[in-house]
Amino acid sequence: MKVAIIGYGKMGRMIEEIARSRGHEIVCIIDVDNLQDFDTDAFRSADVAIEFTAPQVAYGNYLKAWEQGVKVVSGSTGWLNEHGDDVRRACTEGGKTLFWASNFSVGMAIFSAVNKYLARIMNGFPQYDVKMEETHHIHKADHPSGTAITLAEQVLGELDRKQSWTLGQLTQPDGTVLTEHVPTPQELAIDSIRRDEVPGIHTIAYDSEADCISITHDAHSRRGFALGAVLAAEYTCSHEGLLTTDDLFPF
């Protein structure tokens, strides 16, 4: 498989390493200083482009790749509210292909399946209230994390007593705590913490007067995300449309 990499930070370099170790060819690497390379034969030769950049540029990168006839795998978050409908139309009506996930970790795919199953069970036990907490490194620009939003929407799909998710508390890198919203009983609060170089921790807790049941996914490094992105690229190479980890891992 011929792979182009869009975004050459820590994730991009790790994706390059894992893709090469799996026998794939890196035909083009694009970063902020060579954006003109989208319009090159090298980029057009890619079977798939793997994109990990910033929320404000991700959608534009998709458009540039699609213009060159290249499928995209992306882990960038923060663009869905503004461009989600456009992306869905492009992939369902315009013949474009995007494999998007807020988290490519194989462990997170398993965790997501557990999350949905637990929420389905807890729908029958209204004495338990549910809330979420996500912790990431201080360089992460958006909050809550895209993964937290995905997990929250999974809970909402199974738990009748919650109608929407909302921001809860934000703990900033200096320890300052901001209460961004006081949730109503029908809202699922997501608390965010930014500290150190944490790759990502997500906890979902069901609390009652009697006890608390919680599940946690704690990423030890970015390697699991990078491997998952390469696995997604291998899958995307022979599939089309708007793809997700539910397609790659049909638990």
Protein backbone atom coordinates (compact mmCIF):
# COMPACT_ATOMS: atom_id res chain seq x y z
CA MET A 1 0.00 0.00 0.00
CA LYS A 2 1.21 3.49 -0.87
CA VAL A 3 0.64 5.95 1.97
CA ALA A 4 0.77 9.73 2.18
CA ILE A 5 1.07 11.35 5.60
CA ILE A 6 -0.57 14.72 6.32
CA GLY A 7 0.77 16.23 9.53
CA TYR A 8 4.29 15.30 10.59
CA GLY A 9 4.24 15.78 14.35
CA LYS A 10 4.64 13.03 16.93
CA MET A 11 1.69 11.07 15.54
CA GLY A 12 2.79 11.47 11.95
CA ARG A 13 6.26 10.17 12.71
CA MET A 14 4.90 7.21 14.62
CA ILE A 15 2.48 6.40 11.80
CA GLU A 16 5.40 6.50 9.36
CA GLU A 17 7.39 4.08 11.53
CA ILE A 18 4.51 1.61 11.91
CA ALA A 19 3.45 1.81 8.26
CA ARG A 20 7.01 1.05 7.09
CA SER A 21 7.30 -1.81 9.58
CA ARG A 22 4.16 -3.35 8.05
CA GLY A 23 5.67 -3.21 4.57
CA HIS A 24 3.94 -0.09 3.26
CA GLU A 25 5.56 2.62 1.13
CA ILE A 26 5.49 6.26 2.24
CA VAL A 27 5.17 8.23 -1.01
CA CYS A 28 4.61 11.74 0.36
CA ILE A 29 4.80 13.59 3.68
CA ILE A 30 3.00 16.93 3.95
CA ASP A 31 3.41 19.41 6.79
CA VAL A 32 2.87 23.14 7.22
CA ASP A 33 5.98 24.07 5.20
CA ASN A 34 5.16 22.12 2.02
CA LEU A 35 1.37 22.32 1.51
CA GLN A 36 1.98 22.74 -2.23
CA ASP A 37 2.87 19.03 -2.35
CA PHE A 38 -0.81 18.10 -2.37
CA ASP A 39 -0.64 18.91 -6.10
CA THR A 40 2.11 16.44 -6.99
CA ASP A 41 2.32 13.08 -8.71
CA ALA A 42 3.82 11.64 -5.54
CA PHE A 43 0.74 12.55 -3.48
CA ARG A 44 -1.65 11.44 -6.22
CA SER A 45 0.04 8.02 -6.28
CA ALA A 46 -1.07 7.31 -2.69
CA ASP A 47 -3.74 4.70 -2.07
CA VAL A 48 -4.60 6.41 1.22
CA ALA A 49 -3.57 9.59 3.03
CA ILE A 50 -3.41 9.45 6.84
CA GLU A 51 -4.19 12.84 8.37
CA PHE A 52 -3.54 13.98 11.96
CA THR A 53 -3.51 17.76 12.17
CA ALA A 54 -5.46 20.58 13.89
CA PRO A 55 -9.24 21.18 13.97
CA GLN A 56 -9.02 24.39 11.93
CA VAL A 57 -7.22 22.80 8.97
CA ALA A 58 -8.46 19.19 8.91
CA TYR A 59 -11.49 19.75 6.67
CA GLY A 60 -9.41 21.73 4.18
CA ASN A 61 -6.93 18.86 4.07
CA TYR A 62 -9.74 16.44 3.23
CA LEU A 63 -10.81 18.63 0.33
CA LYS A 64 -7.26 18.92 -1.01
CA ALA A 65 -6.74 15.16 -0.83
CA TRP A 66 -10.09 14.40 -2.46
CA GLU A 67 -9.31 16.85 -5.27
CA GLN A 68 -6.33 14.63 -6.08
CA GLY A 69 -8.41 11.45 -5.96
CA VAL A 70 -6.89 10.19 -2.70
CA LYS A 71 -8.87 8.50 0.08
CA VAL A 72 -8.35 9.87 3.61
CA VAL A 73 -7.99 8.34 7.06
CA SER A 74 -8.18 11.02 9.75
CA GLY A 75 -7.99 11.25 13.52
CA SER A 76 -8.34 15.03 13.69
CA THR A 77 -11.17 16.26 15.90
CA GLY A 78 -12.99 19.53 16.48
CA TRP A 79 -14.29 20.04 12.90
CA LEU A 80 -17.56 18.08 13.10
CA ASN A 81 -19.89 20.89 14.20
CA GLU A 82 -18.92 23.13 11.31
CA HIS A 83 -18.23 20.63 8.54
CA GLY A 84 -19.85 17.34 9.55
CA ASP A 85 -22.79 17.67 7.15
CA ASP A 86 -20.50 18.62 4.25
CA VAL A 87 -18.30 15.58 4.87
CA ARG A 88 -21.28 13.24 5.07
CA ARG A 89 -22.64 14.57 1.77
CA ALA A 90 -19.25 14.28 0.08
CA CYS A 91 -18.94 10.64 1.15
CA THR A 92 -22.55 9.54 0.56
CA GLU A 93 -23.36 11.56 -2.55
CA GLY A 94 -20.03 12.81 -3.92
CA GLY A 95 -18.11 9.55 -4.12
CA LYS A 96 -15.40 10.59 -1.64
CA THR A 97 -13.92 8.33 1.03
CA LEU A 98 -13.07 9.26 4.62
CA PHE A 99 -12.34 6.87 7.46
CA TRP A 100 -12.74 9.05 10.53
CA ALA A 101 -12.36 8.14 14.19
CA SER A 102 -11.90 10.22 17.29
CA ASN A 103 -9.68 7.43 18.59
CA PHE A 104 -8.01 4.67 16.56
CA SER A 105 -6.83 2.56 19.49
CA VAL A 106 -7.83 -1.09 19.30
CA GLY A 107 -8.33 -0.93 23.06
CA MET A 108 -10.70 2.02 22.64
CA ALA A 109 -12.73 0.04 20.11
CA ILE A 110 -13.14 -2.68 22.73
CA PHE A 111 -13.86 -0.06 25.42
CA SER A 112 -16.56 1.49 23.20
CA ALA A 113 -18.30 -1.86 22.84
CA VAL A 114 -18.24 -2.28 26.65
CA ASN A 115 -19.50 1.30 27.06
CA LYS A 116 -22.57 0.70 24.89
CA TYR A 117 -23.33 -2.62 26.57
CA LEU A 118 -23.02 -1.15 30.08
CA ALA A 119 -25.25 1.80 29.18
CA ARG A 120 -27.85 -0.61 27.84
CA ILE A 121 -27.83 -2.48 31.16
CA MET A 122 -27.93 0.72 33.22
CA ASN A 123 -31.01 1.92 31.36
CA GLY A 124 -32.92 -0.37 33.71
CA PHE A 125 -31.35 1.05 36.88
CA PRO A 126 -32.33 4.74 37.18
CA GLN A 127 -30.81 5.06 40.68
CA TYR A 128 -27.40 5.39 38.99
CA ASP A 129 -26.42 8.78 37.61
CA VAL A 130 -23.72 8.86 34.96
CA LYS A 131 -20.92 11.32 34.27
CA MET A 132 -17.67 11.30 32.33
CA GLU A 133 -14.13 12.58 32.73
CA GLU A 134 -11.40 12.89 30.11
CA THR A 135 -7.75 13.78 30.73
CA HIS A 136 -5.26 14.82 28.06
CA HIS A 137 -1.90 16.53 27.65
CA ILE A 138 -1.62 20.29 27.94
CA HIS A 139 -1.10 20.75 24.17
CA LYS A 140 -4.59 19.52 23.26
CA ALA A 141 -6.54 22.52 21.97
CA ASP A 142 -10.13 21.27 22.07
CA HIS A 143 -12.27 20.07 24.95
CA PRO A 144 -13.99 17.82 25.58
CA SER A 145 -12.00 15.39 23.50
CA GLY A 146 -13.51 13.95 20.34
CA THR A 147 -13.28 10.52 21.94
CA ALA A 148 -15.26 11.73 24.97
CA ILE A 149 -17.96 13.10 22.68
CA THR A 150 -18.14 9.80 20.80
CA LEU A 151 -18.42 7.86 24.08
CA ALA A 152 -21.07 10.27 25.39
CA GLU A 153 -23.15 9.87 22.24
CA GLN A 154 -22.95 6.10 22.64
CA VAL A 155 -24.34 6.43 26.17
CA LEU A 156 -27.10 8.76 24.97
CA GLY A 157 -28.09 6.18 22.38
CA GLU A 158 -28.77 3.61 25.10
CA LEU A 159 -29.73 5.60 28.23
CA ASP A 160 -33.24 7.06 28.02
CA ARG A 161 -32.85 9.36 31.04
CA LYS A 162 -30.09 11.41 29.40
CA GLN A 163 -31.02 13.63 26.46
CA SER A 164 -27.75 15.42 25.67
CA TRP A 165 -24.15 15.82 26.78
CA THR A 166 -22.72 19.05 28.14
CA LEU A 167 -19.44 20.53 29.32
CA GLY A 168 -18.88 20.12 33.03
CA GLN A 169 -15.68 21.29 34.73
CA LEU A 170 -12.41 22.17 33.01
CA THR A 171 -9.21 21.72 35.03
CA GLN A 172 -6.53 23.78 33.33
CA PRO A 173 -2.79 22.96 33.26
CA ASP A 174 -2.13 25.35 36.16
CA GLY A 175 -4.75 23.58 38.29
CA THR A 176 -7.43 26.25 37.91
CA VAL A 177 -10.90 24.69 37.81
CA LEU A 178 -13.61 26.32 35.71
CA THR A 179 -17.24 25.22 35.98
CA GLU A 180 -18.48 25.77 32.45
CA HIS A 181 -21.98 24.45 33.03
CA VAL A 182 -24.05 22.95 35.85
CA PRO A 183 -25.79 19.96 34.26
CA THR A 184 -29.49 19.27 34.56
CA PRO A 185 -30.64 15.73 35.44
CA GLN A 186 -31.22 15.10 31.72
CA GLU A 187 -27.68 16.11 30.74
CA LEU A 188 -24.54 13.97 30.73
CA ALA A 189 -21.67 16.09 32.03
CA ILE A 190 -18.16 15.67 30.61
CA ASP A 191 -15.36 16.99 32.82
CA SER A 192 -12.02 17.78 31.15
CA ILE A 193 -8.54 17.83 32.68
CA ARG A 194 -5.40 19.11 30.94
CA ARG A 195 -2.14 18.07 32.58
CA ASP A 196 1.41 16.96 31.76
CA GLU A 197 1.84 14.77 28.65
CA VAL A 198 -1.08 12.39 29.22
CA PRO A 199 -1.94 10.60 25.93
CA GLY A 200 -5.55 10.12 26.98
CA ILE A 201 -7.65 8.79 29.86
CA HIS A 202 -11.43 8.39 29.61
CA THR A 203 -13.63 7.34 32.53
CA ILE A 204 -17.39 6.75 32.59
CA ALA A 205 -18.90 6.40 36.08
CA TYR A 206 -22.36 5.33 37.23
CA ASP A 207 -22.85 6.53 40.80
CA SER A 208 -25.61 5.76 43.30
CA GLU A 209 -26.07 6.06 47.05
CA ALA A 210 -25.07 2.41 47.40
CA ASP A 211 -22.04 2.17 45.13
CA CYS A 212 -20.24 3.36 42.02
CA ILE A 213 -19.49 1.42 38.83
CA SER A 214 -16.85 2.88 36.53
CA ILE A 215 -14.93 1.88 33.41
CA THR A 216 -11.68 3.50 32.27
CA HIS A 217 -9.51 3.44 29.19
CA ASP A 218 -5.98 4.66 29.92
CA ALA A 219 -3.68 5.02 26.90
CA HIS A 220 -0.03 4.44 27.80
CA SER A 221 1.32 6.01 24.59
CA ARG A 222 0.31 7.21 21.14
CA ARG A 223 1.52 3.96 19.56
CA GLY A 224 -1.88 2.29 19.87
CA PHE A 225 -3.49 5.22 18.04
CA ALA A 226 -0.88 5.09 15.27
CA LEU A 227 -1.24 1.33 14.77
CA GLY A 228 -5.02 1.68 14.60
CA ALA A 229 -4.69 4.42 11.98
CA VAL A 230 -2.52 2.19 9.81
CA LEU A 231 -4.99 -0.70 10.22
CA ALA A 232 -7.74 1.72 9.18
CA ALA A 233 -5.74 2.72 6.11
CA GLU A 234 -5.35 -0.92 5.14
CA TYR A 235 -9.13 -1.33 5.42
CA THR A 236 -9.88 1.93 3.58
CA CYS A 237 -7.69 0.90 0.67
CA SER A 238 -10.42 -1.54 -0.47
CA HIS A 239 -13.55 0.25 0.83
CA GLU A 240 -15.39 3.47 0.02
CA GLY A 241 -17.67 6.05 1.62
CA LEU A 242 -17.79 7.32 5.19
CA LEU A 243 -16.09 4.67 7.32
CA THR A 244 -15.65 4.32 11.08
CA THR A 245 -14.12 1.94 13.60
CA ASP A 246 -17.50 0.16 13.71
CA ASP A 247 -16.70 -0.99 10.17
CA LEU A 248 -13.16 -2.01 11.04
CA PHE A 249 -14.06 -3.66 14.38
CA PRO A 250 -17.68 -4.95 14.07
CA PHE A 251 -18.05 -6.12 17.68
